[in-house]
């Protein structure tokens, strides 16, 4: 079951980037929180953070981003403990995803319209 959820979530990430819709960040934030909370409960914080980073690596060019996401995974776990539940990391993930997707969409649009 967990593997199926992971595959659907990873495929959804590619779709979101294509759509460029910041509102979809809400769905990703909720889905990622549920998936990685389950992994954390079953396998621990390190495994969940590593899987979280790996899920964001799309090839050699995104390895540094994957490392950044591992660090973010630890930070989100810290928010669970500071906030006493999953609301704080879910909100943080939603805000981050919405901003990142909006930036990707803006950057792609700006590059298409640029005369250079």
PDB file of N, CA and C in Angstrom:
ATOM      1  N   UNK A   1       0.825  -1.195   0.000  1.00  0.00           N
ATOM      2  CA  UNK A   1       0.000   0.000   0.000  1.00  0.00           C
ATOM      3  C   UNK A   1       0.867   1.257   0.000  1.00  0.00           C
ATOM      4  N   UNK A   2       1.883   1.289   0.868  1.00  0.00           N
ATOM      5  CA  UNK A   2       2.754   2.453   0.956  1.00  0.00           C
ATOM      6  C   UNK A   2       3.480   2.699  -0.366  1.00  0.00           C
ATOM      7  N   UNK A   3       3.922   1.631  -1.025  1.00  0.00           N
ATOM      8  CA  UNK A   3       4.609   1.777  -2.311  1.00  0.00           C
ATOM      9  C   UNK A   3       3.682   2.377  -3.361  1.00  0.00           C
ATOM     10  N   UNK A   4       2.429   1.957  -3.375  1.00  0.00           N
ATOM     11  CA  UNK A   4       1.460   2.491  -4.332  1.00  0.00           C
ATOM     12  C   UNK A   4       1.239   3.978  -4.093  1.00  0.00           C
ATOM     13  N   UNK A   5       1.095   4.358  -2.842  1.00  0.00           N
ATOM     14  CA  UNK A   5       0.917   5.772  -2.507  1.00  0.00           C
ATOM     15  C   UNK A   5       2.133   6.569  -2.947  1.00  0.00           C
ATOM     16  N   UNK A   6       3.325   6.022  -2.735  1.00  0.00           N
ATOM     17  CA  UNK A   6       4.553   6.716  -3.119  1.00  0.00           C
ATOM     18  C   UNK A   6       4.616   6.929  -4.621  1.00  0.00           C
ATOM     19  N   UNK A   7       4.283   5.922  -5.403  1.00  0.00           N
ATOM     20  CA  UNK A   7       4.321   6.036  -6.867  1.00  0.00           C
ATOM     21  C   UNK A   7       3.331   7.086  -7.344  1.00  0.00           C
ATOM     22  N   UNK A   8       2.122   7.060  -6.819  1.00  0.00           N
ATOM     23  CA  UNK A   8       1.112   8.045  -7.210  1.00  0.00           C
ATOM     24  C   UNK A   8       1.577   9.445  -6.836  1.00  0.00           C
ATOM     25  N   UNK A   9       2.138   9.598  -5.644  1.00  0.00           N
ATOM     26  CA  UNK A   9       2.593  10.905  -5.193  1.00  0.00           C
ATOM     27  C   UNK A   9       3.725  11.425  -6.070  1.00  0.00           C
ATOM     28  N   UNK A  10       4.681  10.566  -6.406  1.00  0.00           N
ATOM     29  CA  UNK A  10       5.815  10.983  -7.238  1.00  0.00           C
ATOM     30  C   UNK A  10       5.335  11.356  -8.635  1.00  0.00           C
ATOM     31  N   UNK A  11       4.418  10.584  -9.203  1.00  0.00           N
ATOM     32  CA  UNK A  11       3.872  10.928 -10.520  1.00  0.00           C
ATOM     33  C   UNK A  11       3.114  12.248 -10.462  1.00  0.00           C
ATOM     34  N   UNK A  12       2.414  12.490  -9.381  1.00  0.00           N
ATOM     35  CA  UNK A  12       1.658  13.734  -9.231  1.00  0.00           C
ATOM     36  C   UNK A  12       2.592  14.938  -9.220  1.00  0.00           C
ATOM     37  N   UNK A  13       3.796  14.773  -8.687  1.00  0.00           N
ATOM     38  CA  UNK A  13       4.739  15.890  -8.653  1.00  0.00           C
ATOM     39  C   UNK A  13       5.083  16.347 -10.061  1.00  0.00           C
ATOM     40  N   UNK A  14       5.337  15.408 -10.974  1.00  0.00           N
ATOM     41  CA  UNK A  14       5.632  15.771 -12.356  1.00  0.00           C
ATOM     42  C   UNK A  14       4.460  16.487 -13.000  1.00  0.00           C
ATOM     43  N   UNK A  15       3.257  16.033 -12.723  1.00  0.00           N
ATOM     44  CA  UNK A  15       2.050  16.640 -13.263  1.00  0.00           C
ATOM     45  C   UNK A  15       1.894  18.061 -12.742  1.00  0.00           C
ATOM     46  N   UNK A  16       2.184  18.263 -11.480  1.00  0.00           N
ATOM     47  CA  UNK A  16       2.036  19.592 -10.887  1.00  0.00           C
ATOM     48  C   UNK A  16       2.983  20.578 -11.547  1.00  0.00           C
ATOM     49  N   UNK A  17       4.221  20.161 -11.761  1.00  0.00           N
ATOM     50  CA  UNK A  17       5.184  21.058 -12.383  1.00  0.00           C
ATOM     51  C   UNK A  17       4.715  21.423 -13.780  1.00  0.00           C
ATOM     52  N   UNK A  18       4.125  20.467 -14.509  1.00  0.00           N
ATOM     53  CA  UNK A  18       3.608  20.756 -15.842  1.00  0.00           C
ATOM     54  C   UNK A  18       2.428  21.717 -15.775  1.00  0.00           C
ATOM     55  N   UNK A  19       1.567  21.540 -14.791  1.00  0.00           N
ATOM     56  CA  UNK A  19       0.391  22.394 -14.677  1.00  0.00           C
ATOM     57  C   UNK A  19       0.752  23.795 -14.216  1.00  0.00           C
ATOM     58  N   UNK A  20       1.749  23.893 -13.360  1.00  0.00           N
ATOM     59  CA  UNK A  20       2.148  25.182 -12.839  1.00  0.00           C
ATOM     60  C   UNK A  20       1.082  25.837 -11.972  1.00  0.00           C
ATOM     61  N   UNK A  21       0.268  25.062 -11.318  1.00  0.00           N
ATOM     62  CA  UNK A  21      -0.831  25.582 -10.512  1.00  0.00           C
ATOM     63  C   UNK A  21      -0.442  25.584  -9.039  1.00  0.00           C
ATOM     64  N   UNK A  22      -0.219  26.761  -8.443  1.00  0.00           N
ATOM     65  CA  UNK A  22       0.172  26.796  -7.032  1.00  0.00           C
ATOM     66  C   UNK A  22      -0.858  26.164  -6.104  1.00  0.00           C
ATOM     67  N   UNK A  23      -2.118  26.165  -6.482  1.00  0.00           N
ATOM     68  CA  UNK A  23      -3.152  25.566  -5.647  1.00  0.00           C
ATOM     69  C   UNK A  23      -2.963  24.080  -5.452  1.00  0.00           C
ATOM     70  N   UNK A  24      -2.297  23.433  -6.389  1.00  0.00           N
ATOM     71  CA  UNK A  24      -2.075  21.996  -6.279  1.00  0.00           C
ATOM     72  C   UNK A  24      -1.075  21.698  -5.167  1.00  0.00           C
ATOM     73  N   UNK A  25      -0.313  22.713  -4.751  1.00  0.00           N
ATOM     74  CA  UNK A  25       0.618  22.542  -3.638  1.00  0.00           C
ATOM     75  C   UNK A  25      -0.079  22.079  -2.371  1.00  0.00           C
ATOM     76  N   UNK A  26      -1.346  22.434  -2.227  1.00  0.00           N
ATOM     77  CA  UNK A  26      -2.105  21.992  -1.054  1.00  0.00           C
ATOM     78  C   UNK A  26      -2.219  20.478  -1.060  1.00  0.00           C
ATOM     79  N   UNK A  27      -2.587  19.909  -2.199  1.00  0.00           N
ATOM     80  CA  UNK A  27      -2.718  18.454  -2.309  1.00  0.00           C
ATOM     81  C   UNK A  27      -1.405  17.743  -2.085  1.00  0.00           C
ATOM     82  N   UNK A  28      -0.337  18.297  -2.644  1.00  0.00           N
ATOM     83  CA  UNK A  28       0.976  17.680  -2.445  1.00  0.00           C
ATOM     84  C   UNK A  28       1.413  17.762  -0.994  1.00  0.00           C
ATOM     85  N   UNK A  29       1.159  18.884  -0.356  1.00  0.00           N
ATOM     86  CA  UNK A  29       1.534  19.035   1.056  1.00  0.00           C
ATOM     87  C   UNK A  29       0.830  18.023   1.934  1.00  0.00           C
ATOM     88  N   UNK A  30      -0.458  17.844   1.697  1.00  0.00           N
ATOM     89  CA  UNK A  30      -1.222  16.869   2.480  1.00  0.00           C
ATOM     90  C   UNK A  30      -0.784  15.442   2.176  1.00  0.00           C
ATOM     91  N   UNK A  31      -0.631  15.130   0.885  1.00  0.00           N
ATOM     92  CA  UNK A  31      -0.236  13.772   0.491  1.00  0.00           C
ATOM     93  C   UNK A  31       1.151  13.410   0.983  1.00  0.00           C
ATOM     94  N   UNK A  32       2.089  14.342   0.847  1.00  0.00           N
ATOM     95  CA  UNK A  32       3.455  14.082   1.302  1.00  0.00           C
ATOM     96  C   UNK A  32       3.498  13.911   2.812  1.00  0.00           C
ATOM     97  N   UNK A  33       2.758  14.738   3.511  1.00  0.00           N
ATOM     98  CA  UNK A  33       2.737  14.631   4.976  1.00  0.00           C
ATOM     99  C   UNK A  33       2.208  13.275   5.409  1.00  0.00           C
ATOM    100  N   UNK A  34       1.146  12.825   4.775  1.00  0.00           N
ATOM    101  CA  UNK A  34       0.572  11.519   5.133  1.00  0.00           C
ATOM    102  C   UNK A  34       1.546  10.392   4.812  1.00  0.00           C
ATOM    103  N   UNK A  35       2.136  10.449   3.623  1.00  0.00           N
ATOM    104  CA  UNK A  35       3.062   9.394   3.201  1.00  0.00           C
ATOM    105  C   UNK A  35       4.278   9.325   4.122  1.00  0.00           C
ATOM    106  N   UNK A  36       4.929  10.448   4.348  1.00  0.00           N
ATOM    107  CA  UNK A  36       6.169  10.422   5.108  1.00  0.00           C
ATOM    108  C   UNK A  36       5.938  10.287   6.604  1.00  0.00           C
ATOM    109  N   UNK A  37       4.764  10.669   7.080  1.00  0.00           N
ATOM    110  CA  UNK A  37       4.422  10.388   8.481  1.00  0.00           C
ATOM    111  C   UNK A  37       4.312   8.885   8.680  1.00  0.00           C
ATOM    112  N   UNK A  38       3.709   8.201   7.704  1.00  0.00           N
ATOM    113  CA  UNK A  38       3.596   6.741   7.791  1.00  0.00           C
ATOM    114  C   UNK A  38       4.976   6.090   7.748  1.00  0.00           C
ATOM    115  N   UNK A  39       5.852   6.580   6.863  1.00  0.00           N
ATOM    116  CA  UNK A  39       7.216   6.046   6.771  1.00  0.00           C
ATOM    117  C   UNK A  39       7.963   6.313   8.073  1.00  0.00           C
ATOM    118  N   UNK A  40       7.806   7.520   8.622  1.00  0.00           N
ATOM    119  CA  UNK A  40       8.501   7.864   9.868  1.00  0.00           C
ATOM    120  C   UNK A  40       8.059   6.961  11.007  1.00  0.00           C
ATOM    121  N   UNK A  41       6.771   6.719  11.112  1.00  0.00           N
ATOM    122  CA  UNK A  41       6.274   5.866  12.189  1.00  0.00           C
ATOM    123  C   UNK A  41       6.777   4.431  12.049  1.00  0.00           C
ATOM    124  N   UNK A  42       6.882   3.973  10.799  1.00  0.00           N
ATOM    125  CA  UNK A  42       7.276   2.587  10.551  1.00  0.00           C
ATOM    126  C   UNK A  42       8.795   2.392  10.589  1.00  0.00           C
ATOM    127  N   UNK A  43       9.549   3.340  10.002  1.00  0.00           N
ATOM    128  CA  UNK A  43      10.986   3.127   9.811  1.00  0.00           C
ATOM    129  C   UNK A  43      11.884   4.166  10.483  1.00  0.00           C
ATOM    130  N   UNK A  44      11.329   5.247  10.988  1.00  0.00           N
ATOM    131  CA  UNK A  44      12.117   6.252  11.687  1.00  0.00           C
ATOM    132  C   UNK A  44      12.361   7.515  10.881  1.00  0.00           C
ATOM    133  N   UNK A  45      12.903   8.504  11.571  1.00  0.00           N
ATOM    134  CA  UNK A  45      13.102   9.837  11.012  1.00  0.00           C
ATOM    135  C   UNK A  45      14.121   9.833   9.880  1.00  0.00           C
ATOM    136  N   UNK A  46      15.228   9.134  10.054  1.00  0.00           N
ATOM    137  CA  UNK A  46      16.280   9.135   9.033  1.00  0.00           C
ATOM    138  C   UNK A  46      15.765   8.522   7.740  1.00  0.00           C
ATOM    139  N   UNK A  47      15.113   7.383   7.822  1.00  0.00           N
ATOM    140  CA  UNK A  47      14.572   6.739   6.621  1.00  0.00           C
ATOM    141  C   UNK A  47      13.536   7.628   5.947  1.00  0.00           C
ATOM    142  N   UNK A  48      12.673   8.249   6.724  1.00  0.00           N
ATOM    143  CA  UNK A  48      11.639   9.118   6.147  1.00  0.00           C
ATOM    144  C   UNK A  48      12.268  10.322   5.456  1.00  0.00           C
ATOM    145  N   UNK A  49      13.270  10.931   6.076  1.00  0.00           N
ATOM    146  CA  UNK A  49      13.917  12.101   5.484  1.00  0.00           C
ATOM    147  C   UNK A  49      14.687  11.732   4.223  1.00  0.00           C
ATOM    148  N   UNK A  50      15.370  10.593   4.240  1.00  0.00           N
ATOM    149  CA  UNK A  50      16.087  10.145   3.040  1.00  0.00           C
ATOM    150  C   UNK A  50      15.122   9.826   1.903  1.00  0.00           C
ATOM    151  N   UNK A  51      14.030   9.154   2.208  1.00  0.00           N
ATOM    152  CA  UNK A  51      13.028   8.852   1.187  1.00  0.00           C
ATOM    153  C   UNK A  51      12.397  10.137   0.658  1.00  0.00           C
ATOM    154  N   UNK A  52      12.153  11.088   1.533  1.00  0.00           N
ATOM    155  CA  UNK A  52      11.595  12.379   1.148  1.00  0.00           C
ATOM    156  C   UNK A  52      12.526  13.062   0.143  1.00  0.00           C
ATOM    157  N   UNK A  53      13.832  13.057   0.423  1.00  0.00           N
ATOM    158  CA  UNK A  53      14.800  13.643  -0.501  1.00  0.00           C
ATOM    159  C   UNK A  53      14.883  12.880  -1.802  1.00  0.00           C
ATOM    160  N   UNK A  54      14.912  11.554  -1.721  1.00  0.00           N
ATOM    161  CA  UNK A  54      14.989  10.721  -2.919  1.00  0.00           C
ATOM    162  C   UNK A  54      13.785  10.927  -3.827  1.00  0.00           C
ATOM    163  N   UNK A  55      12.625  11.135  -3.239  1.00  0.00           N
ATOM    164  CA  UNK A  55      11.406  11.346  -4.032  1.00  0.00           C
ATOM    165  C   UNK A  55      11.473  12.641  -4.832  1.00  0.00           C
ATOM    166  N   UNK A  56      12.374  13.543  -4.459  1.00  0.00           N
ATOM    167  CA  UNK A  56      12.486  14.821  -5.147  1.00  0.00           C
ATOM    168  C   UNK A  56      13.647  14.862  -6.134  1.00  0.00           C
ATOM    169  N   UNK A  57      14.385  13.769  -6.280  1.00  0.00           N
ATOM    170  CA  UNK A  57      15.513  13.720  -7.208  1.00  0.00           C
ATOM    171  C   UNK A  57      15.020  13.189  -8.546  1.00  0.00           C
ATOM    172  N   UNK A  58      15.237  13.989  -9.583  1.00  0.00           N
ATOM    173  CA  UNK A  58      14.799  13.581 -10.915  1.00  0.00           C
ATOM    174  C   UNK A  58      15.953  13.238 -11.832  1.00  0.00           C
ATOM    175  N   UNK A  59      17.150  13.213 -11.338  1.00  0.00           N
ATOM    176  CA  UNK A  59      18.323  12.922 -12.154  1.00  0.00           C
ATOM    177  C   UNK A  59      19.541  13.586 -11.540  1.00  0.00           C
ATOM    178  N   UNK A  60      20.661  13.465 -12.218  1.00  0.00           N
ATOM    179  CA  UNK A  60      21.928  13.981 -11.700  1.00  0.00           C
ATOM    180  C   UNK A  60      21.867  15.485 -11.411  1.00  0.00           C
ATOM    181  N   UNK A  61      21.139  16.224 -12.243  1.00  0.00           N
ATOM    182  CA  UNK A  61      21.059  17.672 -12.069  1.00  0.00           C
ATOM    183  C   UNK A  61      20.307  18.089 -10.813  1.00  0.00           C
ATOM    184  N   UNK A  62      19.538  17.185 -10.231  1.00  0.00           N
ATOM    185  CA  UNK A  62      18.740  17.565  -9.059  1.00  0.00           C
ATOM    186  C   UNK A  62      19.229  16.904  -7.769  1.00  0.00           C
ATOM    187  N   UNK A  63      20.448  16.383  -7.766  1.00  0.00           N
ATOM    188  CA  UNK A  63      20.982  15.749  -6.558  1.00  0.00           C
ATOM    189  C   UNK A  63      21.142  16.743  -5.406  1.00  0.00           C
ATOM    190  N   UNK A  64      21.609  17.943  -5.713  1.00  0.00           N
ATOM    191  CA  UNK A  64      21.772  18.952  -4.664  1.00  0.00           C
ATOM    192  C   UNK A  64      20.407  19.301  -4.078  1.00  0.00           C
ATOM    193  N   UNK A  65      19.402  19.432  -4.947  1.00  0.00           N
ATOM    194  CA  UNK A  65      18.053  19.712  -4.464  1.00  0.00           C
ATOM    195  C   UNK A  65      17.564  18.571  -3.578  1.00  0.00           C
ATOM    196  N   UNK A  66      17.859  17.332  -3.971  1.00  0.00           N
ATOM    197  CA  UNK A  66      17.481  16.183  -3.146  1.00  0.00           C
ATOM    198  C   UNK A  66      18.113  16.253  -1.767  1.00  0.00           C
ATOM    199  N   UNK A  67      19.383  16.683  -1.715  1.00  0.00           N
ATOM    200  CA  UNK A  67      20.048  16.866  -0.421  1.00  0.00           C
ATOM    201  C   UNK A  67      19.377  17.945   0.410  1.00  0.00           C
ATOM    202  N   UNK A  68      19.001  19.035  -0.252  1.00  0.00           N
ATOM    203  CA  UNK A  68      18.285  20.109   0.438  1.00  0.00           C
ATOM    204  C   UNK A  68      16.966  19.588   1.004  1.00  0.00           C
ATOM    205  N   UNK A  69      16.284  18.755   0.244  1.00  0.00           N
ATOM    206  CA  UNK A  69      14.993  18.227   0.684  1.00  0.00           C
ATOM    207  C   UNK A  69      15.172  17.273   1.869  1.00  0.00           C
ATOM    208  N   UNK A  70      16.280  16.529   1.915  1.00  0.00           N
ATOM    209  CA  UNK A  70      16.553  15.685   3.091  1.00  0.00           C
ATOM    210  C   UNK A  70      16.648  16.576   4.333  1.00  0.00           C
ATOM    211  N   UNK A  71      17.374  17.679   4.215  1.00  0.00           N
ATOM    212  CA  UNK A  71      17.489  18.621   5.335  1.00  0.00           C
ATOM    213  C   UNK A  71      16.108  19.167   5.698  1.00  0.00           C
ATOM    214  N   UNK A  72      15.308  19.510   4.682  1.00  0.00           N
ATOM    215  CA  UNK A  72      13.948  19.993   4.942  1.00  0.00           C
ATOM    216  C   UNK A  72      13.120  18.922   5.642  1.00  0.00           C
ATOM    217  N   UNK A  73      13.335  17.655   5.269  1.00  0.00           N
ATOM    218  CA  UNK A  73      12.616  16.559   5.916  1.00  0.00           C
ATOM    219  C   UNK A  73      12.885  16.528   7.412  1.00  0.00           C
ATOM    220  N   UNK A  74      14.151  16.696   7.783  1.00  0.00           N
ATOM    221  CA  UNK A  74      14.485  16.760   9.211  1.00  0.00           C
ATOM    222  C   UNK A  74      13.821  17.978   9.860  1.00  0.00           C
ATOM    223  N   UNK A  75      13.801  19.087   9.133  1.00  0.00           N
ATOM    224  CA  UNK A  75      13.152  20.291   9.658  1.00  0.00           C
ATOM    225  C   UNK A  75      11.658  20.097   9.866  1.00  0.00           C
ATOM    226  N   UNK A  76      11.016  19.407   8.929  1.00  0.00           N
ATOM    227  CA  UNK A  76       9.580  19.152   9.066  1.00  0.00           C
ATOM    228  C   UNK A  76       9.300  18.233  10.250  1.00  0.00           C
ATOM    229  N   UNK A  77      10.191  17.271  10.464  1.00  0.00           N
ATOM    230  CA  UNK A  77      10.046  16.406  11.646  1.00  0.00           C
ATOM    231  C   UNK A  77      10.199  17.244  12.917  1.00  0.00           C
ATOM    232  N   UNK A  78      11.130  18.197  12.884  1.00  0.00           N
ATOM    233  CA  UNK A  78      11.285  19.096  14.029  1.00  0.00           C
ATOM    234  C   UNK A  78      10.014  19.883  14.304  1.00  0.00           C
ATOM    235  N   UNK A  79       9.328  20.294  13.230  1.00  0.00           N
ATOM    236  CA  UNK A  79       8.061  21.012  13.404  1.00  0.00           C
ATOM    237  C   UNK A  79       6.991  20.129  14.033  1.00  0.00           C
ATOM    238  N   UNK A  80       7.038  18.824  13.727  1.00  0.00           N
ATOM    239  CA  UNK A  80       6.087  17.897  14.357  1.00  0.00           C
ATOM    240  C   UNK A  80       6.269  17.950  15.870  1.00  0.00           C
ATOM    241  N   UNK A  81       7.521  17.901  16.305  1.00  0.00           N
ATOM    242  CA  UNK A  81       7.805  17.879  17.741  1.00  0.00           C
ATOM    243  C   UNK A  81       7.557  19.241  18.399  1.00  0.00           C
ATOM    244  N   UNK A  82       7.914  20.314  17.702  1.00  0.00           N
ATOM    245  CA  UNK A  82       7.689  21.655  18.262  1.00  0.00           C
ATOM    246  C   UNK A  82       6.206  22.002  18.321  1.00  0.00           C
ATOM    247  N   UNK A  83       5.479  21.612  17.275  1.00  0.00           N
ATOM    248  CA  UNK A  83       4.063  21.954  17.197  1.00  0.00           C
ATOM    249  C   UNK A  83       3.147  20.950  17.856  1.00  0.00           C
ATOM    250  N   UNK A  84       3.686  19.812  18.235  1.00  0.00           N
ATOM    251  CA  UNK A  84       2.877  18.800  18.902  1.00  0.00           C
ATOM    252  C   UNK A  84       1.952  18.030  17.982  1.00  0.00           C
ATOM    253  N   UNK A  85       2.218  18.057  16.698  1.00  0.00           N
ATOM    254  CA  UNK A  85       1.373  17.319  15.754  1.00  0.00           C
ATOM    255  C   UNK A  85       1.804  17.608  14.328  1.00  0.00           C
ATOM    256  N   UNK A  86       0.972  17.207  13.393  1.00  0.00           N
ATOM    257  CA  UNK A  86       1.340  17.309  11.981  1.00  0.00           C
ATOM    258  C   UNK A  86       0.843  18.579  11.298  1.00  0.00           C
ATOM    259  N   UNK A  87       0.103  19.424  11.989  1.00  0.00           N
ATOM    260  CA  UNK A  87      -0.435  20.624  11.348  1.00  0.00           C
ATOM    261  C   UNK A  87       0.676  21.569  10.886  1.00  0.00           C
ATOM    262  N   UNK A  88       1.656  21.851  11.729  1.00  0.00           N
ATOM    263  CA  UNK A  88       2.733  22.784  11.375  1.00  0.00           C
ATOM    264  C   UNK A  88       3.529  22.308  10.159  1.00  0.00           C
ATOM    265  N   UNK A  89       3.986  21.039  10.100  1.00  0.00           N
ATOM    266  CA  UNK A  89       4.726  20.624   8.910  1.00  0.00           C
ATOM    267  C   UNK A  89       3.851  20.557   7.661  1.00  0.00           C
ATOM    268  N   UNK A  90       2.573  20.242   7.814  1.00  0.00           N
ATOM    269  CA  UNK A  90       1.680  20.221   6.650  1.00  0.00           C
ATOM    270  C   UNK A  90       1.551  21.632   6.082  1.00  0.00           C
ATOM    271  N   UNK A  91       1.322  22.603   6.953  1.00  0.00           N
ATOM    272  CA  UNK A  91       1.194  23.990   6.497  1.00  0.00           C
ATOM    273  C   UNK A  91       2.506  24.463   5.876  1.00  0.00           C
ATOM    274  N   UNK A  92       3.635  24.148   6.501  1.00  0.00           N
ATOM    275  CA  UNK A  92       4.938  24.543   5.957  1.00  0.00           C
ATOM    276  C   UNK A  92       5.159  23.925   4.585  1.00  0.00           C
ATOM    277  N   UNK A  93       4.808  22.655   4.419  1.00  0.00           N
ATOM    278  CA  UNK A  93       4.988  21.978   3.134  1.00  0.00           C
ATOM    279  C   UNK A  93       4.072  22.584   2.077  1.00  0.00           C
ATOM    280  N   UNK A  94       2.840  22.888   2.441  1.00  0.00           N
ATOM    281  CA  UNK A  94       1.895  23.495   1.498  1.00  0.00           C
ATOM    282  C   UNK A  94       2.411  24.858   1.035  1.00  0.00           C
ATOM    283  N   UNK A  95       2.858  25.676   1.977  1.00  0.00           N
ATOM    284  CA  UNK A  95       3.358  27.010   1.629  1.00  0.00           C
ATOM    285  C   UNK A  95       4.591  26.893   0.733  1.00  0.00           C
ATOM    286  N   UNK A  96       5.507  26.004   1.087  1.00  0.00           N
ATOM    287  CA  UNK A  96       6.715  25.821   0.277  1.00  0.00           C
ATOM    288  C   UNK A  96       6.364  25.347  -1.129  1.00  0.00           C
ATOM    289  N   UNK A  97       5.509  24.315  -1.238  1.00  0.00           N
ATOM    290  CA  UNK A  97       5.131  23.797  -2.554  1.00  0.00           C
ATOM    291  C   UNK A  97       4.433  24.849  -3.398  1.00  0.00           C
ATOM    292  N   UNK A  98       3.508  25.574  -2.806  1.00  0.00           N
ATOM    293  CA  UNK A  98       2.784  26.601  -3.558  1.00  0.00           C
ATOM    294  C   UNK A  98       3.748  27.667  -4.076  1.00  0.00           C
ATOM    295  N   UNK A  99       4.683  28.097  -3.231  1.00  0.00           N
ATOM    296  CA  UNK A  99       5.661  29.099  -3.650  1.00  0.00           C
ATOM    297  C   UNK A  99       6.593  28.547  -4.723  1.00  0.00           C
ATOM    298  N   UNK A 100       7.059  27.321  -4.556  1.00  0.00           N
ATOM    299  CA  UNK A 100       7.976  26.716  -5.532  1.00  0.00           C
ATOM    300  C   UNK A 100       7.293  26.519  -6.878  1.00  0.00           C
ATOM    301  N   UNK A 101       6.062  26.038  -6.865  1.00  0.00           N
ATOM    302  CA  UNK A 101       5.339  25.809  -8.117  1.00  0.00           C
ATOM    303  C   UNK A 101       5.031  27.137  -8.797  1.00  0.00           C
ATOM    304  N   UNK A 102       4.662  28.151  -8.022  1.00  0.00           N
ATOM    305  CA  UNK A 102       4.417  29.476  -8.594  1.00  0.00           C
ATOM    306  C   UNK A 102       5.696  30.018  -9.228  1.00  0.00           C
ATOM    307  N   UNK A 103       6.839  29.822  -8.565  1.00  0.00           N
ATOM    308  CA  UNK A 103       8.110  30.281  -9.114  1.00  0.00           C
ATOM    309  C   UNK A 103       8.452  29.538 -10.403  1.00  0.00           C
ATOM    310  N   UNK A 104       8.286  28.230 -10.409  1.00  0.00           N
ATOM    311  CA  UNK A 104       8.575  27.442 -11.616  1.00  0.00           C
ATOM    312  C   UNK A 104       7.710  27.925 -12.772  1.00  0.00           C
ATOM    313  N   UNK A 105       6.431  28.131 -12.500  1.00  0.00           N
ATOM    314  CA  UNK A 105       5.509  28.608 -13.536  1.00  0.00           C
ATOM    315  C   UNK A 105       5.914  30.004 -14.006  1.00  0.00           C
ATOM    316  N   UNK A 106       6.225  30.905 -13.072  1.00  0.00           N
ATOM    317  CA  UNK A 106       6.634  32.264 -13.409  1.00  0.00           C
ATOM    318  C   UNK A 106       7.917  32.247 -14.224  1.00  0.00           C
ATOM    319  N   UNK A 107       8.898  31.441 -13.815  1.00  0.00           N
ATOM    320  CA  UNK A 107      10.180  31.366 -14.508  1.00  0.00           C
ATOM    321  C   UNK A 107       9.999  30.854 -15.931  1.00  0.00           C
ATOM    322  N   UNK A 108       9.180  29.807 -16.096  1.00  0.00           N
ATOM    323  CA  UNK A 108       8.940  29.259 -17.435  1.00  0.00           C
ATOM    324  C   UNK A 108       8.235  30.284 -18.313  1.00  0.00           C
ATOM    325  N   UNK A 109       7.275  30.994 -17.772  1.00  0.00           N
ATOM    326  CA  UNK A 109       6.550  32.013 -18.530  1.00  0.00           C
ATOM    327  C   UNK A 109       7.478  33.161 -18.898  1.00  0.00           C
ATOM    328  N   UNK A 110       8.305  33.591 -17.972  1.00  0.00           N
ATOM    329  CA  UNK A 110       9.238  34.688 -18.213  1.00  0.00           C
ATOM    330  C   UNK A 110      10.243  34.307 -19.291  1.00  0.00           C
ATOM    331  N   UNK A 111      10.723  33.084 -19.265  1.00  0.00           N
ATOM    332  CA  UNK A 111      11.700  32.637 -20.270  1.00  0.00           C
ATOM    333  C   UNK A 111      11.073  32.578 -21.661  1.00  0.00           C
ATOM    334  N   UNK A 112       9.801  32.160 -21.743  1.00  0.00           N
ATOM    335  CA  UNK A 112       9.121  32.101 -23.045  1.00  0.00           C
ATOM    336  C   UNK A 112       8.915  33.497 -23.618  1.00  0.00           C
ATOM    337  N   UNK A 113       8.658  34.475 -22.753  1.00  0.00           N
ATOM    338  CA  UNK A 113       8.362  35.828 -23.204  1.00  0.00           C
ATOM    339  C   UNK A 113       9.615  36.668 -23.406  1.00  0.00           C
ATOM    340  N   UNK A 114      10.754  36.215 -22.921  1.00  0.00           N
ATOM    341  CA  UNK A 114      11.993  36.972 -23.008  1.00  0.00           C
ATOM    342  C   UNK A 114      12.506  37.002 -24.447  1.00  0.00           C
ATOM    343  N   UNK A 115      12.906  38.185 -24.951  1.00  0.00           N
ATOM    344  CA  UNK A 115      13.410  38.269 -26.325  1.00  0.00           C
ATOM    345  C   UNK A 115      14.804  37.690 -26.490  1.00  0.00           C
ATOM    346  N   UNK A 116      15.513  37.430 -25.406  1.00  0.00           N
ATOM    347  CA  UNK A 116      16.890  36.924 -25.481  1.00  0.00           C
ATOM    348  C   UNK A 116      16.898  35.457 -25.746  1.00  0.00           C
TER     349      UNK A 116
END
